[in-house]
């Protein structure tokens, strides 16, 4: 989904520019995942953030899938609990 599609959907749902953005959801997720003890490397991978250290970036292809699945399962349960 493009950034514009997400912004358009938010506006149609009634969110104003100063209330929420697509990036705001990403920031909220990052904050909650860090606060609930998930490893930073998993959070950053899930958000598609790149490694700043160029040597690590060049050699590390780890995806940490098992940890990320657990993290996203927690996230799904958290969101379900908000309904």
Protein backbone atom coordinates (compact mmCIF):
# COMPACT_ATOMS: atom_id res chain seq x y z
CA UNK A 1 0.00 0.00 0.00
CA UNK A 2 1.27 3.44 -0.80
CA UNK A 3 1.56 6.20 1.79
CA UNK A 4 -1.20 8.11 0.01
CA UNK A 5 -3.56 5.14 0.14
CA UNK A 6 -3.03 4.82 3.90
CA UNK A 7 -3.51 8.56 4.44
CA UNK A 8 -6.67 8.55 2.30
CA UNK A 9 -8.08 5.64 4.31
CA UNK A 10 -7.33 7.42 7.59
CA UNK A 11 -9.03 10.60 6.39
CA UNK A 12 -12.11 8.61 5.24
CA UNK A 13 -12.27 7.07 8.72
CA UNK A 14 -12.39 10.58 10.16
CA UNK A 15 -8.83 11.03 11.43
CA UNK A 16 -7.55 14.55 10.94
CA UNK A 17 -4.01 15.43 9.90
CA UNK A 18 -2.99 16.34 13.44
CA UNK A 19 -4.49 13.15 14.94
CA UNK A 20 -2.89 10.22 13.10
CA UNK A 21 -0.75 9.29 10.14
CA UNK A 22 0.49 6.02 8.70
CA UNK A 23 3.85 6.65 10.31
CA UNK A 24 2.07 7.32 13.61
CA UNK A 25 0.83 3.72 13.65
CA UNK A 26 4.39 2.50 13.05
CA UNK A 27 5.68 4.67 15.91
CA UNK A 28 2.92 3.43 18.22
CA UNK A 29 3.71 -0.19 17.38
CA UNK A 30 7.44 0.32 17.90
CA UNK A 31 6.91 1.98 21.27
CA UNK A 32 4.52 -0.71 22.55
CA UNK A 33 6.73 -3.56 21.34
CA UNK A 34 9.82 -2.07 23.01
CA UNK A 35 7.85 -1.40 26.22
CA UNK A 36 6.73 -5.05 26.26
CA UNK A 37 10.25 -6.39 26.09
CA UNK A 38 10.61 -7.49 22.48
CA UNK A 39 14.17 -7.43 21.11
CA UNK A 40 15.07 -4.27 19.24
CA UNK A 41 16.58 -6.16 16.32
CA UNK A 42 13.25 -7.92 15.74
CA UNK A 43 11.24 -4.72 15.97
CA UNK A 44 13.53 -2.90 13.56
CA UNK A 45 13.45 -5.79 11.07
CA UNK A 46 9.66 -5.92 11.25
CA UNK A 47 9.47 -2.19 10.53
CA UNK A 48 11.88 -2.69 7.59
CA UNK A 49 14.48 -0.38 9.12
CA UNK A 50 17.97 -0.91 7.78
CA UNK A 51 21.09 -1.49 9.86
CA UNK A 52 23.11 1.72 10.20
CA UNK A 53 26.41 -0.12 10.59
CA UNK A 54 27.48 -0.77 6.99
CA UNK A 55 29.62 -3.80 7.88
CA UNK A 56 26.77 -5.47 9.78
CA UNK A 57 24.38 -4.58 6.98
CA UNK A 58 26.69 -6.16 4.39
CA UNK A 59 27.15 -9.47 6.25
CA UNK A 60 24.13 -10.08 8.45
CA UNK A 61 21.18 -11.68 6.69
CA UNK A 62 19.47 -13.03 9.81
CA UNK A 63 15.70 -12.64 9.74
CA UNK A 64 14.83 -13.90 13.26
CA UNK A 65 11.57 -15.32 11.91
CA UNK A 66 10.62 -17.36 15.01
CA UNK A 67 11.03 -14.35 17.31
CA UNK A 68 9.18 -12.08 14.92
CA UNK A 69 6.26 -14.52 14.60
CA UNK A 70 5.91 -14.54 18.41
CA UNK A 71 6.11 -10.75 18.47
CA UNK A 72 3.48 -10.32 15.77
CA UNK A 73 1.23 -12.88 17.48
CA UNK A 74 1.47 -10.77 20.64
CA UNK A 75 0.71 -7.64 18.57
CA UNK A 76 -2.36 -9.27 16.99
CA UNK A 77 -3.65 -10.32 20.43
CA UNK A 78 -3.01 -6.81 21.76
CA UNK A 79 -5.00 -5.26 18.90
CA UNK A 80 -7.82 -7.81 19.32
CA UNK A 81 -7.98 -6.85 22.99
CA UNK A 82 -8.62 -3.23 22.05
CA UNK A 83 -11.82 -4.09 20.13
